[in-house]
Structures are given as C-alpha cells and as structure tokens.
Amino acid sequence: MQQWRKYLKERADSNLTVKSFCEKYGLNIKSYYYWQKIIRNEVGKSLVGAIVPVNISGASSLKSAAVPAKIIIRYGEFCLETRDNIRPQYLEETLALFIKMDQKYVR
C-alpha cells in the first residue's frame, strides 16, 4: 500500500495523465485505479467528523462591515463561495459532499 501511495502522489505531482504515468512506470492501469480507490476510501474514513467549528477573532466586526464578508472554500476541484450569513448546517453538508465527491471521482 505504501508503494501505491507513493505512485499516486508522484502521478499527481507529475501532471501526467494516468495512462501516461502507468506507461512510463510499467504499471497496470486497472491496478492503479484499484489502489487509488482503496487508498481514497481509507483516507475518507479518517476524515469522518473532520469538519470542526472555527472561531475567528474579531468576527463581530464583520457585522459592521459596509460590504458583507465573502467566504471562499476550495477542496480539490470544488469551490464554495458564499456570504457570512450561511447556515452552519448547510455549510457542513456542502463540505461533506465535497469530500464524498472528491473520493468518488478521479481528479
């Protein structure tokens, strides 16, 4: 598993397509995707409950700002842009969906 973790990281850092990377290193493309799924599932299990509240010092001053604060969150290929009045439950559900989708689809 450690070797496949290394391959996945090297491929991501190389900017090669999976096909090109596998050809270059003599890897079976089906094995690559198999191990990618196994490793992503393992990582996903460790992220359960990983969304935690964050306290921002001076957050009360955001209420008095002339322009509402903008929040931008990037996770992998996904981006969420919202204002500071988002419901915490909606934010948690959206971030959990980002994690789920990132695990499901190849970047």
Protein backbone atom coordinates (compact mmCIF):
# COMPACT_ATOMS: atom_id res chain seq x y z
CA MET A 1 0.00 0.00 0.00
CA GLN A 2 2.86 2.39 0.79
CA GLN A 3 4.26 1.89 -2.71
CA TRP A 4 0.89 2.71 -4.28
CA ARG A 5 0.58 5.81 -2.10
CA LYS A 6 3.92 6.88 -3.49
CA TYR A 7 2.75 6.21 -7.08
CA LEU A 8 -0.46 8.21 -6.54
CA LYS A 9 1.46 11.18 -5.16
CA GLU A 10 4.10 11.03 -7.90
CA ARG A 11 1.38 10.92 -10.58
CA ALA A 12 -0.44 13.89 -9.06
CA ASP A 13 2.81 15.88 -8.84
CA SER A 14 3.85 14.94 -12.39
CA ASN A 15 0.79 16.39 -14.17
CA LEU A 16 0.84 13.30 -16.41
CA THR A 17 -2.38 11.55 -17.30
CA VAL A 18 -2.93 8.26 -15.51
CA LYS A 19 -2.40 6.41 -18.78
CA SER A 20 0.92 8.17 -19.49
CA PHE A 21 2.12 7.70 -15.94
CA CYS A 22 1.29 3.97 -15.95
CA GLU A 23 3.05 3.50 -19.29
CA LYS A 24 6.12 5.37 -18.04
CA TYR A 25 6.40 3.22 -14.88
CA GLY A 26 5.14 -0.04 -16.36
CA LEU A 27 2.03 -0.14 -14.18
CA ASN A 28 -1.27 -1.77 -14.99
CA ILE A 29 -3.87 1.00 -15.34
CA LYS A 30 -6.60 -1.15 -13.74
CA SER A 31 -4.32 -1.77 -10.74
CA TYR A 32 -3.68 1.96 -10.50
CA TYR A 33 -7.39 2.77 -10.28
CA TYR A 34 -8.00 -0.15 -7.90
CA TRP A 35 -5.37 1.11 -5.45
CA GLN A 36 -6.49 4.71 -5.88
CA LYS A 37 -9.98 3.69 -4.77
CA ILE A 38 -8.66 1.66 -1.81
CA ILE A 39 -6.44 4.49 -0.61
CA ARG A 40 -9.10 7.19 -1.08
CA ASN A 41 -11.60 5.11 0.89
CA GLU A 42 -9.07 4.73 3.68
CA VAL A 43 -8.40 8.47 3.71
CA GLY A 44 -12.13 9.18 3.63
CA LYS A 45 -12.69 7.07 6.75
CA SER A 46 -10.12 9.15 8.60
CA LEU A 47 -11.97 12.35 7.60
CA VAL A 48 -15.27 11.35 9.21
CA GLY A 49 -16.13 14.10 11.68
CA ALA A 50 -13.20 16.20 10.49
CA ILE A 51 -15.34 19.28 9.91
CA VAL A 52 -14.94 21.36 13.04
CA PRO A 53 -16.16 24.82 14.00
CA VAL A 54 -13.62 27.60 13.61
CA ASN A 55 -13.68 30.69 15.78
CA ILE A 56 -12.42 33.81 14.03
CA SER A 57 -11.15 36.51 16.35
CA GLY A 58 -12.83 39.79 15.58
CA ALA A 59 -15.72 38.08 13.81
CA SER A 60 -18.13 40.50 15.46
CA SER A 61 -16.57 43.31 13.42
CA LEU A 62 -17.75 41.54 10.26
CA LYS A 63 -21.32 42.55 11.11
CA SER A 64 -20.42 46.21 10.91
CA ALA A 65 -18.59 45.97 7.59
CA ALA A 66 -20.08 48.03 4.76
CA VAL A 67 -19.84 45.04 2.38
CA PRO A 68 -20.83 41.56 3.58
CA ALA A 69 -17.85 39.27 4.10
CA LYS A 70 -17.28 36.73 1.35
CA ILE A 71 -16.27 33.18 2.24
CA ILE A 72 -14.47 31.04 -0.35
CA ILE A 73 -13.64 27.42 0.42
CA ARG A 74 -11.69 25.27 -2.03
CA TYR A 75 -11.43 21.50 -1.67
CA GLY A 76 -9.76 19.64 -4.50
CA GLU A 77 -11.60 20.57 -7.69
CA PHE A 78 -14.58 22.00 -5.79
CA CYS A 79 -15.17 25.58 -4.71
CA LEU A 80 -17.86 27.07 -2.48
CA GLU A 81 -18.37 30.82 -2.44
CA THR A 82 -20.87 32.34 -0.04
CA ARG A 83 -21.51 35.25 2.30
CA ASP A 84 -21.00 35.27 6.05
CA ASN A 85 -24.70 34.60 6.78
CA ILE A 86 -24.67 30.95 5.62
CA ARG A 87 -26.40 28.44 7.90
CA PRO A 88 -23.75 26.23 9.60
CA GLN A 89 -25.74 23.07 8.78
CA TYR A 90 -25.76 23.94 5.06
CA LEU A 91 -22.02 24.61 5.15
CA GLU A 92 -21.29 21.28 6.90
CA GLU A 93 -23.47 19.34 4.47
CA THR A 94 -21.83 21.00 1.47
CA LEU A 95 -18.30 20.33 2.73
CA ALA A 96 -19.20 16.70 3.45
CA LEU A 97 -20.50 16.44 -0.12
CA PHE A 98 -17.21 17.89 -1.44
CA ILE A 99 -15.28 15.17 0.39
CA LYS A 100 -17.62 12.45 -0.85
CA MET A 101 -17.45 13.63 -4.47
CA ASP A 102 -13.67 14.02 -4.33
CA GLN A 103 -13.36 10.41 -3.21
CA LYS A 104 -15.71 9.21 -5.93
CA TYR A 105 -14.19 10.92 -8.97
CA VAL A 106 -10.65 10.99 -10.29
CA ARG A 107 -9.08 14.42 -10.10
